[in-house]
Amino acid sequence: MNIQHEALKQFNYQINFAINNYSNHGLSCSQFNNVLIGGLGGSGIGGRLVKNVFANVFPLPVEVVADYTLPAYVNEKTLVILGSYSGNTEETLTMFEEVQKRGSHIIILTSGGKLGELAKENDLKTYFIEPGFQPRMALGFSLTYLIQIFGDLVGSSKSDELKTVANLFEDCSEYQKDAEEVFNAIQSRSKSKFVVLSDGPFESVATRFAQQIQENAKHECFTHVVPEHNHNVIESYYGTLDTVFFFLDSNANSRVSARFDFLVGLLEVENHKIIEMGVEQFTIASVYQTIHRLDWISLLVADAKKVDSLNVPNIASLKSYLENA
């Protein structure tokens, strides 16, 4: 049994768990000047995703921090959401200490650990995540909680929409089959560098895919965002590049979509492998579906390379080093 494959097949379970264990926090945007989401790796990507999902309707500035330190503006008028799957992430615990000093309102997402203990000691609103998963394979929990948190902040419950989304993953075979078709198209180039080009709404989805390729498949993957990419990176596209390109276009802006069309023509001249995974409309459902397909691709690349997608020895070694630093 492939543990990572089995975890991915529980995407529906994770979404439903977060729906069933969610309760309204009773807060509204009118109480705050800004929102900060703190978290790293698999515990932080949900913040980037929810920021993109709500970009056109959320009335407050939102910043995602993956570091030890906080911006100077964080104060008692800031809503801070801290997420750590294990509850023991060093950087997130450091942020917690600083947030308390600033007097910000805090919401916690965790499966336990030290962060869970601190949340209980300080009587903080906490959304618990089921333990037993790799953080990067537990996105269904955190993203679903965050979408509900943001929905209630703007007075628009997302529970019914998320229940519909959960139903899309009762059977994962369609997504796995789609991923296999994509992998078959790139298999001969699977040792090449991966580059993911996205538009603004899909920037966080592109980041998520790169992180999954890096951790699961131990493979180089980089991201760029169009149109900014067209003002600099495009000038490196001459001759034949040892690269597989993934295009993620939400179709939210016709001018950006036209730029993707141009890039296809530019890169196909040299027979570069291009995988287009755009959607007709940018919705909560399309975000979940695109992520799920890309997660499957990351595992298929890992399996083909015969690497251990479960364990992360370099990260474990770094943590051990820092314990003694």
Protein backbone atom coordinates (compact mmCIF):
# COMPACT_ATOMS: atom_id res chain seq x y z
CA MET A 1 0.00 0.00 0.00
CA ASN A 2 1.30 3.45 -0.94
CA ILE A 3 0.62 5.62 2.11
CA GLN A 4 0.74 8.87 0.13
CA HIS A 5 -1.74 7.57 -2.45
CA GLU A 6 -4.10 6.49 0.33
CA ALA A 7 -3.82 9.89 2.00
CA LEU A 8 -4.72 11.64 -1.24
CA LYS A 9 -7.76 9.40 -1.65
CA GLN A 10 -9.02 10.79 1.67
CA PHE A 11 -9.41 14.31 0.26
CA ASN A 12 -13.19 14.00 0.49
CA TYR A 13 -12.89 12.84 4.11
CA GLN A 14 -10.68 15.80 5.02
CA ILE A 15 -13.05 18.35 3.49
CA ASN A 16 -16.06 16.83 5.24
CA PHE A 17 -14.17 16.65 8.54
CA ALA A 18 -13.47 20.38 8.40
CA ILE A 19 -17.09 21.12 7.47
CA ASN A 20 -18.49 18.98 10.28
CA ASN A 21 -16.07 20.27 12.93
CA TYR A 22 -16.33 23.95 12.03
CA SER A 23 -18.16 26.49 14.16
CA ASN A 24 -18.62 30.18 13.49
CA HIS A 25 -15.96 32.31 15.17
CA GLY A 26 -18.40 35.20 15.59
CA LEU A 27 -16.05 37.78 14.09
CA SER A 28 -16.49 40.19 11.19
CA CYS A 29 -14.15 42.21 8.99
CA SER A 30 -15.47 45.42 10.57
CA GLN A 31 -13.56 44.59 13.76
CA PHE A 32 -10.14 44.57 12.08
CA ASN A 33 -7.83 46.61 9.88
CA ASN A 34 -6.05 43.63 8.34
CA VAL A 35 -5.57 39.88 8.48
CA LEU A 36 -2.32 37.96 8.81
CA ILE A 37 -2.02 34.23 8.24
CA GLY A 38 1.10 32.56 9.61
CA GLY A 39 2.30 29.11 8.64
CA LEU A 40 4.96 27.26 6.70
CA GLY A 41 5.07 24.49 4.10
CA GLY A 42 1.99 22.30 4.03
CA SER A 43 0.58 24.27 6.96
CA GLY A 44 1.07 27.62 5.25
CA ILE A 45 -0.09 27.04 1.67
CA GLY A 46 -3.76 27.10 2.73
CA GLY A 47 -3.32 30.76 3.65
CA ARG A 48 -1.99 31.63 0.22
CA LEU A 49 -4.85 29.75 -1.41
CA VAL A 50 -7.62 31.38 0.64
CA LYS A 51 -6.11 34.81 -0.03
CA ASN A 52 -6.44 34.18 -3.79
CA VAL A 53 -9.91 32.65 -3.48
CA PHE A 54 -11.27 35.74 -1.68
CA ALA A 55 -9.16 38.37 -3.46
CA ASN A 56 -12.10 39.98 -5.25
CA VAL A 57 -14.50 40.10 -2.29
CA PHE A 58 -12.45 40.43 0.89
CA PRO A 59 -12.36 44.06 2.05
CA LEU A 60 -9.22 43.90 4.19
CA PRO A 61 -5.52 43.54 3.32
CA VAL A 62 -4.38 39.94 3.81
CA GLU A 63 -0.75 38.91 4.23
CA VAL A 64 0.70 35.42 4.55
CA VAL A 65 3.88 35.12 6.61
CA ALA A 66 6.22 32.13 6.52
CA ASP A 67 8.97 33.37 8.81
CA TYR A 68 9.92 34.02 12.42
CA THR A 69 9.06 37.72 12.39
CA LEU A 70 5.92 39.78 11.88
CA PRO A 71 5.38 43.01 9.94
CA ALA A 72 5.47 46.17 12.07
CA TYR A 73 1.80 46.95 11.37
CA VAL A 74 0.50 43.92 13.29
CA ASN A 75 -1.37 45.20 16.34
CA GLU A 76 -4.60 44.85 18.32
CA LYS A 77 -6.60 45.60 15.14
CA THR A 78 -5.07 42.65 13.29
CA LEU A 79 -6.72 39.24 13.06
CA VAL A 80 -3.96 36.64 13.13
CA ILE A 81 -4.59 33.05 12.03
CA LEU A 82 -1.73 30.70 12.89
CA GLY A 83 -1.54 27.22 11.44
CA SER A 84 0.81 24.36 12.29
CA TYR A 85 -0.26 20.81 11.57
CA SER A 86 2.09 19.29 14.17
CA GLY A 87 1.71 22.24 16.52
CA ASN A 88 5.48 22.27 16.96
CA THR A 89 6.67 24.34 14.00
CA GLU A 90 9.49 26.51 15.33
CA GLU A 91 8.74 29.59 13.27
CA THR A 92 5.00 29.51 14.00
CA LEU A 93 5.56 29.19 17.76
CA THR A 94 7.87 32.20 17.59
CA MET A 95 5.19 34.15 15.73
CA PHE A 96 2.69 33.17 18.42
CA GLU A 97 4.84 34.73 21.14
CA GLU A 98 5.15 37.96 19.18
CA VAL A 99 1.45 38.10 18.31
CA GLN A 100 0.56 37.87 21.99
CA LYS A 101 2.80 40.87 22.72
CA ARG A 102 1.07 42.86 19.98
CA GLY A 103 -2.40 42.16 21.39
CA SER A 104 -3.83 40.75 18.17
CA HIS A 105 -6.90 38.51 18.07
CA ILE A 106 -5.71 34.95 17.36
CA ILE A 107 -7.30 31.92 15.70
CA ILE A 108 -5.43 28.59 15.69
CA LEU A 109 -5.41 25.63 13.26
CA THR A 110 -3.52 22.57 14.51
CA SER A 111 -3.65 18.88 15.35
CA GLY A 112 -2.12 19.49 18.77
CA GLY A 113 1.47 19.86 19.92
CA LYS A 114 2.80 22.92 21.71
CA LEU A 115 0.58 25.28 19.69
CA GLY A 116 -2.48 23.30 20.73
CA GLU A 117 -1.42 23.56 24.36
CA LEU A 118 -0.89 27.32 24.09
CA ALA A 119 -4.28 27.73 22.42
CA LYS A 120 -5.97 25.87 25.26
CA GLU A 121 -4.07 27.78 27.95
CA ASN A 122 -5.09 31.10 26.38
CA ASP A 123 -8.67 30.03 25.58
CA LEU A 124 -8.22 30.74 21.86
CA LYS A 125 -10.63 29.78 19.11
CA THR A 126 -9.07 26.60 17.72
CA TYR A 127 -9.94 24.44 14.75
CA PHE A 128 -8.49 21.00 15.31
CA ILE A 129 -7.14 18.93 12.43
CA GLU A 130 -7.04 15.15 12.58
CA PRO A 131 -3.48 13.87 13.21
CA GLY A 132 -1.82 11.04 11.30
CA PHE A 133 -1.20 12.72 7.95
CA GLN A 134 1.87 14.35 6.47
CA PRO A 135 1.21 18.13 6.66
CA ARG A 136 1.49 18.45 2.88
CA MET A 137 -1.12 15.71 2.47
CA ALA A 138 -3.58 17.34 4.89
CA LEU A 139 -4.54 20.40 2.85
CA GLY A 140 -8.21 19.38 2.71
CA PHE A 141 -8.48 20.12 6.44
CA SER A 142 -6.76 23.51 6.62
CA LEU A 143 -8.02 24.98 3.34
CA THR A 144 -11.62 24.05 4.14
CA TYR A 145 -11.39 25.57 7.61
CA LEU A 146 -9.86 28.77 6.20
CA ILE A 147 -12.50 29.18 3.51
CA GLN A 148 -15.20 28.90 6.18
CA ILE A 149 -13.36 31.35 8.45
CA PHE A 150 -13.08 33.91 5.65
CA GLY A 151 -16.65 33.33 4.51
CA ASP A 152 -18.00 34.12 7.96
CA LEU A 153 -15.75 37.18 8.23
CA VAL A 154 -17.56 38.67 5.23
CA GLY A 155 -20.96 37.33 6.31
CA SER A 156 -21.23 34.74 3.55
CA SER A 157 -21.33 31.13 4.72
CA LYS A 158 -19.48 28.75 2.43
CA SER A 159 -20.65 25.50 4.03
CA ASP A 160 -23.14 24.54 1.31
CA GLU A 161 -20.66 25.29 -1.47
CA LEU A 162 -18.00 23.25 0.30
CA LYS A 163 -20.37 20.31 0.76
CA THR A 164 -20.84 20.34 -3.00
CA VAL A 165 -17.06 20.45 -3.45
CA ALA A 166 -16.61 17.49 -1.09
CA ASN A 167 -18.98 15.43 -3.23
CA LEU A 168 -16.67 15.96 -6.21
CA PHE A 169 -14.09 13.76 -4.49
CA GLU A 170 -16.19 10.83 -3.35
CA ASP A 171 -14.44 8.94 -6.14
CA CYS A 172 -10.90 10.07 -6.91
CA SER A 173 -10.39 7.75 -9.88
CA GLU A 174 -11.23 10.44 -12.46
CA TYR A 175 -8.57 12.77 -11.07
CA GLN A 176 -6.04 9.96 -10.84
CA LYS A 177 -6.75 8.99 -14.45
CA ASP A 178 -6.34 12.60 -15.61
CA ALA A 179 -3.02 12.77 -13.77
CA GLU A 180 -1.85 9.53 -15.37
CA GLU A 181 -2.61 10.96 -18.83
CA VAL A 182 -0.57 14.06 -18.03
CA PHE A 183 2.27 11.98 -16.63
CA ASN A 184 2.31 9.75 -19.72
CA ALA A 185 2.69 12.91 -21.82
CA ILE A 186 5.73 14.06 -19.85
CA GLN A 187 7.23 10.71 -18.82
CA SER A 188 10.09 10.87 -21.32
CA ARG A 189 10.96 14.32 -19.91
CA SER A 190 10.28 13.60 -16.26
CA LYS A 191 13.92 14.23 -15.34
CA SER A 192 13.77 17.73 -16.80
CA LYS A 193 13.26 20.81 -14.66
CA PHE A 194 9.60 21.71 -14.12
CA VAL A 195 8.42 25.31 -14.54
CA VAL A 196 4.88 26.31 -13.62
CA LEU A 197 3.46 29.46 -15.19
CA SER A 198 0.25 30.78 -13.66
CA ASP A 199 -1.92 33.86 -13.72
CA GLY A 200 -2.58 35.81 -10.52
CA PRO A 201 -5.60 33.86 -9.23
CA PHE A 202 -3.76 30.55 -9.65
CA GLU A 203 -0.44 31.75 -8.20
CA SER A 204 -0.95 29.87 -4.94
CA VAL A 205 -2.05 26.71 -6.78
CA ALA A 206 1.20 26.88 -8.77
CA THR A 207 3.15 27.29 -5.54
CA ARG A 208 1.36 24.30 -4.07
CA PHE A 209 2.26 22.14 -7.08
CA ALA A 210 5.91 23.21 -6.91
CA GLN A 211 6.04 22.35 -3.21
CA GLN A 212 4.52 18.92 -3.85
CA ILE A 213 6.95 18.16 -6.67
CA GLN A 214 9.85 19.27 -4.48
CA GLU A 215 8.83 17.31 -1.36
CA ASN A 216 7.18 14.26 -2.86
CA ALA A 217 9.32 13.76 -5.96
CA LYS A 218 12.58 15.37 -4.76
CA HIS A 219 12.59 17.26 -8.06
CA GLU A 220 13.33 20.82 -9.16
CA CYS A 221 10.22 22.91 -9.78
CA PHE A 222 9.89 26.68 -10.11
CA THR A 223 6.99 29.10 -10.54
CA HIS A 224 6.41 32.37 -12.39
CA VAL A 225 3.33 34.58 -12.63
CA VAL A 226 2.00 36.06 -15.85
CA PRO A 227 1.99 38.95 -16.80
CA GLU A 228 5.09 39.85 -14.72
CA HIS A 229 6.88 36.84 -16.23
CA ASN A 230 6.49 38.44 -19.68
CA HIS A 231 8.56 41.46 -18.65
CA ASN A 232 11.72 39.53 -17.77
CA VAL A 233 11.73 35.71 -17.66
CA ILE A 234 10.46 35.39 -21.22
CA GLU A 235 13.82 36.72 -22.44
CA SER A 236 15.48 33.50 -21.28
CA TYR A 237 13.37 31.43 -23.68
CA TYR A 238 15.73 30.95 -26.61
CA GLY A 239 16.77 27.63 -28.05
CA THR A 240 15.90 24.29 -26.50
CA LEU A 241 15.43 24.29 -22.75
CA ASP A 242 15.60 21.19 -20.58
CA THR A 243 12.23 22.08 -19.10
CA VAL A 244 8.66 20.83 -18.87
CA PHE A 245 6.20 23.72 -18.70
CA PHE A 246 2.87 23.64 -16.86
CA PHE A 247 0.41 26.43 -17.67
CA LEU A 248 -2.27 27.28 -15.08
CA ASP A 249 -4.72 29.86 -16.44
CA SER A 250 -7.89 30.70 -14.51
CA ASN A 251 -9.30 32.58 -17.51
CA ALA A 252 -10.07 35.49 -15.20
CA ASN A 253 -8.47 38.01 -17.57
CA SER A 254 -8.61 37.74 -21.36
CA ARG A 255 -5.40 39.75 -21.81
CA VAL A 256 -3.50 37.34 -19.59
CA SER A 257 -5.00 34.38 -21.46
CA ALA A 258 -3.76 35.93 -24.70
CA ARG A 259 -0.26 36.01 -23.21
CA PHE A 260 -0.49 32.29 -22.47
CA ASP A 261 -1.50 31.69 -26.10
CA PHE A 262 1.59 33.58 -27.23
CA LEU A 263 3.83 31.54 -24.91
CA VAL A 264 2.47 28.30 -26.33
CA GLY A 265 3.45 29.40 -29.83
CA LEU A 266 6.85 30.64 -28.68
CA LEU A 267 7.79 27.45 -26.84
CA GLU A 268 6.32 24.96 -29.31
CA VAL A 269 8.73 26.18 -32.00
CA GLU A 270 11.49 24.31 -30.14
CA ASN A 271 9.18 21.35 -29.33
CA HIS A 272 9.04 22.07 -25.62
CA LYS A 273 6.62 19.97 -23.62
CA ILE A 274 3.72 22.12 -22.45
CA ILE A 275 0.92 20.93 -20.20
CA GLU A 276 -2.06 23.30 -20.15
CA MET A 277 -4.28 22.87 -17.09
CA GLY A 278 -6.43 25.97 -17.18
CA VAL A 279 -10.07 26.15 -16.17
CA GLU A 280 -13.10 27.81 -17.72
CA GLN A 281 -13.93 29.70 -14.54
CA PHE A 282 -12.06 30.43 -11.31
CA THR A 283 -14.18 29.03 -8.46
CA ILE A 284 -13.63 27.35 -5.12
CA ALA A 285 -14.40 24.02 -6.81
CA SER A 286 -11.90 24.63 -9.61
CA VAL A 287 -9.18 25.40 -7.06
CA TYR A 288 -9.77 22.13 -5.19
CA GLN A 289 -9.99 20.12 -8.42
CA THR A 290 -6.82 21.57 -9.92
CA ILE A 291 -4.88 21.03 -6.70
CA HIS A 292 -6.03 17.43 -6.50
CA ARG A 293 -5.01 16.63 -10.08
CA LEU A 294 -1.60 18.23 -9.54
CA ASP A 295 -1.08 16.37 -6.26
CA TRP A 296 -1.60 13.09 -8.11
CA ILE A 297 0.95 14.15 -10.74
CA SER A 298 3.52 14.83 -8.01
CA LEU A 299 3.08 11.31 -6.65
CA LEU A 300 3.30 9.73 -10.11
CA VAL A 301 6.57 11.58 -10.75
CA ALA A 302 7.86 10.37 -7.39
CA ASP A 303 6.88 6.79 -8.15
CA ALA A 304 8.55 6.93 -11.58
CA LYS A 305 11.76 8.26 -10.03
CA LYS A 306 11.56 5.53 -7.37
CA VAL A 307 12.00 8.02 -4.55
CA ASP A 308 10.41 7.95 -1.10
CA SER A 309 7.55 10.45 -1.31
CA LEU A 310 6.69 9.95 2.36
CA ASN A 311 9.91 10.92 4.08
CA VAL A 312 11.93 14.15 3.83
CA PRO A 313 15.46 13.38 5.09
CA ASN A 314 16.95 16.80 4.29
CA ILE A 315 14.20 18.59 6.22
CA ALA A 316 14.58 16.17 9.13
CA SER A 317 18.34 16.73 9.11
CA LEU A 318 17.86 20.51 9.14
CA LYS A 319 15.51 20.32 12.12
CA SER A 320 18.03 18.18 13.98
CA TYR A 321 20.78 20.67 13.20
CA LEU A 322 18.72 23.63 14.40
CA GLU A 323 17.96 21.89 17.68
CA ASN A 324 21.68 22.13 18.50
CA ALA A 325 22.41 25.48 16.82
